[in-house]
């Protein structure tokens, strides 16, 4: 399943890495594409989307479906 999350607050490469780390903490095998300028993350995973949202929010970013 591929989901696209809207993420606010990514301003630099460090932010992208933090979001990537949060996603991988939920599913290490997830395929991800993070687009910082657009503020999105596309994730291919069988895990529930709300788990990724919660992990990204825990990192200090605003995330929504």
PDB file of N, CA and C in Angstrom:
ATOM      1  N   UNK A   1       0.844  -1.179   0.000  1.00  0.00           N
ATOM      2  CA  UNK A   1       0.000   0.000   0.000  1.00  0.00           C
ATOM      3  C   UNK A   1       0.885   1.236   0.000  1.00  0.00           C
ATOM      4  N   UNK A   2       0.573   2.199  -0.865  1.00  0.00           N
ATOM      5  CA  UNK A   2       1.321   3.451  -0.899  1.00  0.00           C
ATOM      6  C   UNK A   2       0.456   4.566  -0.337  1.00  0.00           C
ATOM      7  N   UNK A   3       1.027   5.296   0.611  1.00  0.00           N
ATOM      8  CA  UNK A   3       0.319   6.439   1.201  1.00  0.00           C
ATOM      9  C   UNK A   3       1.168   7.688   1.004  1.00  0.00           C
ATOM     10  N   UNK A   4       0.510   8.820   0.940  1.00  0.00           N
ATOM     11  CA  UNK A   4       1.215  10.096   0.859  1.00  0.00           C
ATOM     12  C   UNK A   4       0.835  10.921   2.071  1.00  0.00           C
ATOM     13  N   UNK A   5       1.855  11.329   2.817  1.00  0.00           N
ATOM     14  CA  UNK A   5       1.639  12.170   3.986  1.00  0.00           C
ATOM     15  C   UNK A   5       2.070  13.600   3.675  1.00  0.00           C
ATOM     16  N   UNK A   6       1.346  14.548   4.223  1.00  0.00           N
ATOM     17  CA  UNK A   6       1.739  15.947   4.163  1.00  0.00           C
ATOM     18  C   UNK A   6       2.485  16.254   5.454  1.00  0.00           C
ATOM     19  N   UNK A   7       3.689  16.811   5.307  1.00  0.00           N
ATOM     20  CA  UNK A   7       4.535  17.066   6.471  1.00  0.00           C
ATOM     21  C   UNK A   7       4.940  18.534   6.473  1.00  0.00           C
ATOM     22  N   UNK A   8       4.627  19.231   7.559  1.00  0.00           N
ATOM     23  CA  UNK A   8       5.017  20.630   7.714  1.00  0.00           C
ATOM     24  C   UNK A   8       6.221  20.718   8.638  1.00  0.00           C
ATOM     25  N   UNK A   9       7.132  21.624   8.309  1.00  0.00           N
ATOM     26  CA  UNK A   9       8.263  21.884   9.189  1.00  0.00           C
ATOM     27  C   UNK A   9       9.595  21.368   8.681  1.00  0.00           C
ATOM     28  N   UNK A  10       9.613  20.684   7.535  1.00  0.00           N
ATOM     29  CA  UNK A  10      10.897  20.208   6.991  1.00  0.00           C
ATOM     30  C   UNK A  10      11.584  21.376   6.286  1.00  0.00           C
ATOM     31  N   UNK A  11      12.713  21.813   6.825  1.00  0.00           N
ATOM     32  CA  UNK A  11      13.394  22.968   6.252  1.00  0.00           C
ATOM     33  C   UNK A  11      14.793  22.673   5.726  1.00  0.00           C
ATOM     34  N   UNK A  12      15.310  21.461   6.029  1.00  0.00           N
ATOM     35  CA  UNK A  12      16.692  21.173   5.637  1.00  0.00           C
ATOM     36  C   UNK A  12      16.882  19.670   5.457  1.00  0.00           C
ATOM     37  N   UNK A  13      18.077  19.293   5.055  1.00  0.00           N
ATOM     38  CA  UNK A  13      18.400  17.877   4.867  1.00  0.00           C
ATOM     39  C   UNK A  13      18.281  17.120   6.193  1.00  0.00           C
ATOM     40  N   UNK A  14      18.661  17.755   7.288  1.00  0.00           N
ATOM     41  CA  UNK A  14      18.528  17.120   8.603  1.00  0.00           C
ATOM     42  C   UNK A  14      17.070  16.758   8.868  1.00  0.00           C
ATOM     43  N   UNK A  15      16.159  17.633   8.509  1.00  0.00           N
ATOM     44  CA  UNK A  15      14.731  17.368   8.691  1.00  0.00           C
ATOM     45  C   UNK A  15      14.308  16.133   7.889  1.00  0.00           C
ATOM     46  N   UNK A  16      14.765  16.060   6.644  1.00  0.00           N
ATOM     47  CA  UNK A  16      14.447  14.892   5.808  1.00  0.00           C
ATOM     48  C   UNK A  16      14.945  13.615   6.468  1.00  0.00           C
ATOM     49  N   UNK A  17      16.166  13.653   6.994  1.00  0.00           N
ATOM     50  CA  UNK A  17      16.738  12.471   7.641  1.00  0.00           C
ATOM     51  C   UNK A  17      15.962  12.090   8.891  1.00  0.00           C
ATOM     52  N   UNK A  18      15.494  13.077   9.639  1.00  0.00           N
ATOM     53  CA  UNK A  18      14.709  12.808  10.847  1.00  0.00           C
ATOM     54  C   UNK A  18      13.380  12.144  10.485  1.00  0.00           C
ATOM     55  N   UNK A  19      12.744  12.628   9.425  1.00  0.00           N
ATOM     56  CA  UNK A  19      11.481  12.037   8.977  1.00  0.00           C
ATOM     57  C   UNK A  19      11.732  10.616   8.472  1.00  0.00           C
ATOM     58  N   UNK A  20      12.788  10.435   7.703  1.00  0.00           N
ATOM     59  CA  UNK A  20      13.146   9.103   7.193  1.00  0.00           C
ATOM     60  C   UNK A  20      13.385   8.134   8.355  1.00  0.00           C
ATOM     61  N   UNK A  21      14.089   8.598   9.378  1.00  0.00           N
ATOM     62  CA  UNK A  21      14.368   7.767  10.553  1.00  0.00           C
ATOM     63  C   UNK A  21      13.065   7.376  11.250  1.00  0.00           C
ATOM     64  N   UNK A  22      12.141   8.326  11.358  1.00  0.00           N
ATOM     65  CA  UNK A  22      10.848   8.050  11.997  1.00  0.00           C
ATOM     66  C   UNK A  22      10.078   6.987  11.210  1.00  0.00           C
ATOM     67  N   UNK A  23      10.085   7.106   9.887  1.00  0.00           N
ATOM     68  CA  UNK A  23       9.388   6.136   9.040  1.00  0.00           C
ATOM     69  C   UNK A  23      10.023   4.756   9.194  1.00  0.00           C
ATOM     70  N   UNK A  24      11.339   4.695   9.143  1.00  0.00           N
ATOM     71  CA  UNK A  24      12.046   3.417   9.245  1.00  0.00           C
ATOM     72  C   UNK A  24      11.894   2.792  10.631  1.00  0.00           C
ATOM     73  N   UNK A  25      11.615   3.613  11.663  1.00  0.00           N
ATOM     74  CA  UNK A  25      11.396   3.058  12.996  1.00  0.00           C
ATOM     75  C   UNK A  25      10.095   2.253  13.055  1.00  0.00           C
ATOM     76  N   UNK A  26       9.169   2.551  12.161  1.00  0.00           N
ATOM     77  CA  UNK A  26       7.903   1.823  12.087  1.00  0.00           C
ATOM     78  C   UNK A  26       8.031   0.624  11.157  1.00  0.00           C
ATOM     79  N   UNK A  27       8.699   0.818  10.028  1.00  0.00           N
ATOM     80  CA  UNK A  27       8.872  -0.259   9.041  1.00  0.00           C
ATOM     81  C   UNK A  27      10.220  -0.088   8.355  1.00  0.00           C
ATOM     82  N   UNK A  28      11.192  -0.880   8.786  1.00  0.00           N
ATOM     83  CA  UNK A  28      12.546  -0.768   8.246  1.00  0.00           C
ATOM     84  C   UNK A  28      12.614  -1.083   6.757  1.00  0.00           C
ATOM     85  N   UNK A  29      11.637  -1.824   6.259  1.00  0.00           N
ATOM     86  CA  UNK A  29      11.621  -2.215   4.844  1.00  0.00           C
ATOM     87  C   UNK A  29      10.791  -1.274   3.973  1.00  0.00           C
ATOM     88  N   UNK A  30      10.201  -0.263   4.561  1.00  0.00           N
ATOM     89  CA  UNK A  30       9.337   0.656   3.808  1.00  0.00           C
ATOM     90  C   UNK A  30      10.120   1.373   2.708  1.00  0.00           C
ATOM     91  N   UNK A  31       9.497   1.507   1.551  1.00  0.00           N
ATOM     92  CA  UNK A  31      10.062   2.302   0.463  1.00  0.00           C
ATOM     93  C   UNK A  31       9.547   3.725   0.653  1.00  0.00           C
ATOM     94  N   UNK A  32      10.439   4.695   0.682  1.00  0.00           N
ATOM     95  CA  UNK A  32      10.011   6.072   0.934  1.00  0.00           C
ATOM     96  C   UNK A  32      10.600   7.032  -0.084  1.00  0.00           C
ATOM     97  N   UNK A  33       9.820   8.056  -0.388  1.00  0.00           N
ATOM     98  CA  UNK A  33      10.282   9.177  -1.199  1.00  0.00           C
ATOM     99  C   UNK A  33       9.855  10.438  -0.464  1.00  0.00           C
ATOM    100  N   UNK A  34      10.829  11.210  -0.020  1.00  0.00           N
ATOM    101  CA  UNK A  34      10.540  12.438   0.704  1.00  0.00           C
ATOM    102  C   UNK A  34      10.824  13.623  -0.207  1.00  0.00           C
ATOM    103  N   UNK A  35       9.835  14.500  -0.320  1.00  0.00           N
ATOM    104  CA  UNK A  35       9.964  15.696  -1.148  1.00  0.00           C
ATOM    105  C   UNK A  35       9.858  16.901  -0.218  1.00  0.00           C
ATOM    106  N   UNK A  36      11.018  17.387   0.234  1.00  0.00           N
ATOM    107  CA  UNK A  36      11.027  18.494   1.196  1.00  0.00           C
ATOM    108  C   UNK A  36      10.354  19.748   0.648  1.00  0.00           C
ATOM    109  N   UNK A  37      10.664  20.207  -0.590  1.00  0.00           N
ATOM    110  CA  UNK A  37      10.009  21.424  -1.096  1.00  0.00           C
ATOM    111  C   UNK A  37       8.481  21.317  -1.145  1.00  0.00           C
ATOM    112  N   UNK A  38       7.983  20.133  -1.475  1.00  0.00           N
ATOM    113  CA  UNK A  38       6.526  19.940  -1.545  1.00  0.00           C
ATOM    114  C   UNK A  38       5.925  19.610  -0.184  1.00  0.00           C
ATOM    115  N   UNK A  39       6.775  19.221   0.775  1.00  0.00           N
ATOM    116  CA  UNK A  39       6.289  18.868   2.104  1.00  0.00           C
ATOM    117  C   UNK A  39       5.523  17.561   2.133  1.00  0.00           C
ATOM    118  N   UNK A  40       6.018  16.570   1.363  1.00  0.00           N
ATOM    119  CA  UNK A  40       5.324  15.288   1.320  1.00  0.00           C
ATOM    120  C   UNK A  40       6.293  14.129   1.526  1.00  0.00           C
ATOM    121  N   UNK A  41       5.717  13.018   1.948  1.00  0.00           N
ATOM    122  CA  UNK A  41       6.441  11.758   2.025  1.00  0.00           C
ATOM    123  C   UNK A  41       5.527  10.677   1.468  1.00  0.00           C
ATOM    124  N   UNK A  42       6.005   9.947   0.465  1.00  0.00           N
ATOM    125  CA  UNK A  42       5.280   8.802  -0.075  1.00  0.00           C
ATOM    126  C   UNK A  42       5.913   7.552   0.527  1.00  0.00           C
ATOM    127  N   UNK A  43       5.071   6.722   1.102  1.00  0.00           N
ATOM    128  CA  UNK A  43       5.545   5.538   1.815  1.00  0.00           C
ATOM    129  C   UNK A  43       4.823   4.310   1.285  1.00  0.00           C
ATOM    130  N   UNK A  44       5.586   3.291   0.912  1.00  0.00           N
ATOM    131  CA  UNK A  44       5.010   2.017   0.519  1.00  0.00           C
ATOM    132  C   UNK A  44       5.272   1.037   1.647  1.00  0.00           C
ATOM    133  N   UNK A  45       4.186   0.624   2.306  1.00  0.00           N
ATOM    134  CA  UNK A  45       4.289  -0.232   3.478  1.00  0.00           C
ATOM    135  C   UNK A  45       2.933  -0.855   3.778  1.00  0.00           C
ATOM    136  N   UNK A  46       2.951  -1.953   4.502  1.00  0.00           N
ATOM    137  CA  UNK A  46       1.704  -2.583   4.939  1.00  0.00           C
ATOM    138  C   UNK A  46       1.280  -2.093   6.327  1.00  0.00           C
ATOM    139  N   UNK A  47       2.103  -1.248   6.948  1.00  0.00           N
ATOM    140  CA  UNK A  47       1.769  -0.724   8.279  1.00  0.00           C
ATOM    141  C   UNK A  47       0.666   0.335   8.164  1.00  0.00           C
ATOM    142  N   UNK A  48      -0.132   0.509   9.217  1.00  0.00           N
ATOM    143  CA  UNK A  48      -1.196   1.522   9.190  1.00  0.00           C
ATOM    144  C   UNK A  48      -0.610   2.939   9.093  1.00  0.00           C
ATOM    145  N   UNK A  49      -1.198   3.786   8.250  1.00  0.00           N
ATOM    146  CA  UNK A  49      -0.685   5.155   8.074  1.00  0.00           C
ATOM    147  C   UNK A  49      -0.574   5.946   9.362  1.00  0.00           C
ATOM    148  N   UNK A  50      -1.515   5.741  10.306  1.00  0.00           N
ATOM    149  CA  UNK A  50      -1.484   6.523  11.538  1.00  0.00           C
ATOM    150  C   UNK A  50      -0.235   6.240  12.374  1.00  0.00           C
ATOM    151  N   UNK A  51       0.368   5.069  12.193  1.00  0.00           N
ATOM    152  CA  UNK A  51       1.609   4.774  12.913  1.00  0.00           C
ATOM    153  C   UNK A  51       2.744   5.661  12.406  1.00  0.00           C
ATOM    154  N   UNK A  52       2.792   5.887  11.091  1.00  0.00           N
ATOM    155  CA  UNK A  52       3.815   6.763  10.528  1.00  0.00           C
ATOM    156  C   UNK A  52       3.579   8.213  10.956  1.00  0.00           C
ATOM    157  N   UNK A  53       2.310   8.629  10.940  1.00  0.00           N
ATOM    158  CA  UNK A  53       1.975   9.999  11.372  1.00  0.00           C
ATOM    159  C   UNK A  53       2.452  10.207  12.804  1.00  0.00           C
ATOM    160  N   UNK A  54       2.148   9.265  13.694  1.00  0.00           N
ATOM    161  CA  UNK A  54       2.534   9.395  15.104  1.00  0.00           C
ATOM    162  C   UNK A  54       4.056   9.471  15.259  1.00  0.00           C
ATOM    163  N   UNK A  55       4.792   8.662  14.508  1.00  0.00           N
ATOM    164  CA  UNK A  55       6.258   8.662  14.615  1.00  0.00           C
ATOM    165  C   UNK A  55       6.844   9.980  14.128  1.00  0.00           C
ATOM    166  N   UNK A  56       6.279  10.532  13.053  1.00  0.00           N
ATOM    167  CA  UNK A  56       6.774  11.806  12.515  1.00  0.00           C
ATOM    168  C   UNK A  56       6.442  12.951  13.462  1.00  0.00           C
ATOM    169  N   UNK A  57       5.251  12.938  14.025  1.00  0.00           N
ATOM    170  CA  UNK A  57       4.864  13.965  15.001  1.00  0.00           C
ATOM    171  C   UNK A  57       5.788  13.902  16.223  1.00  0.00           C
ATOM    172  N   UNK A  58       6.144  12.680  16.647  1.00  0.00           N
ATOM    173  CA  UNK A  58       7.051  12.509  17.791  1.00  0.00           C
ATOM    174  C   UNK A  58       8.415  13.149  17.518  1.00  0.00           C
ATOM    175  N   UNK A  59       8.817  13.203  16.228  1.00  0.00           N
ATOM    176  CA  UNK A  59      10.074  13.832  15.842  1.00  0.00           C
ATOM    177  C   UNK A  59       9.970  15.372  15.833  1.00  0.00           C
ATOM    178  N   UNK A  60       8.748  15.894  15.967  1.00  0.00           N
ATOM    179  CA  UNK A  60       8.566  17.334  16.063  1.00  0.00           C
ATOM    180  C   UNK A  60       8.011  18.008  14.817  1.00  0.00           C
ATOM    181  N   UNK A  61       7.456  17.201  13.913  1.00  0.00           N
ATOM    182  CA  UNK A  61       6.885  17.755  12.681  1.00  0.00           C
ATOM    183  C   UNK A  61       5.384  17.542  12.691  1.00  0.00           C
ATOM    184  N   UNK A  62       4.683  18.341  11.916  1.00  0.00           N
ATOM    185  CA  UNK A  62       3.259  18.170  11.732  1.00  0.00           C
ATOM    186  C   UNK A  62       3.065  17.243  10.539  1.00  0.00           C
ATOM    187  N   UNK A  63       2.276  16.171  10.710  1.00  0.00           N
ATOM    188  CA  UNK A  63       2.054  15.215   9.630  1.00  0.00           C
ATOM    189  C   UNK A  63       0.577  14.856   9.574  1.00  0.00           C
ATOM    190  N   UNK A  64       0.079  14.691   8.343  1.00  0.00           N
ATOM    191  CA  UNK A  64      -1.315  14.297   8.161  1.00  0.00           C
ATOM    192  C   UNK A  64      -1.460  13.558   6.832  1.00  0.00           C
ATOM    193  N   UNK A  65      -2.578  12.833   6.738  1.00  0.00           N
ATOM    194  CA  UNK A  65      -2.878  12.111   5.504  1.00  0.00           C
ATOM    195  C   UNK A  65      -3.450  13.049   4.466  1.00  0.00           C
TER     196      UNK A  65
END
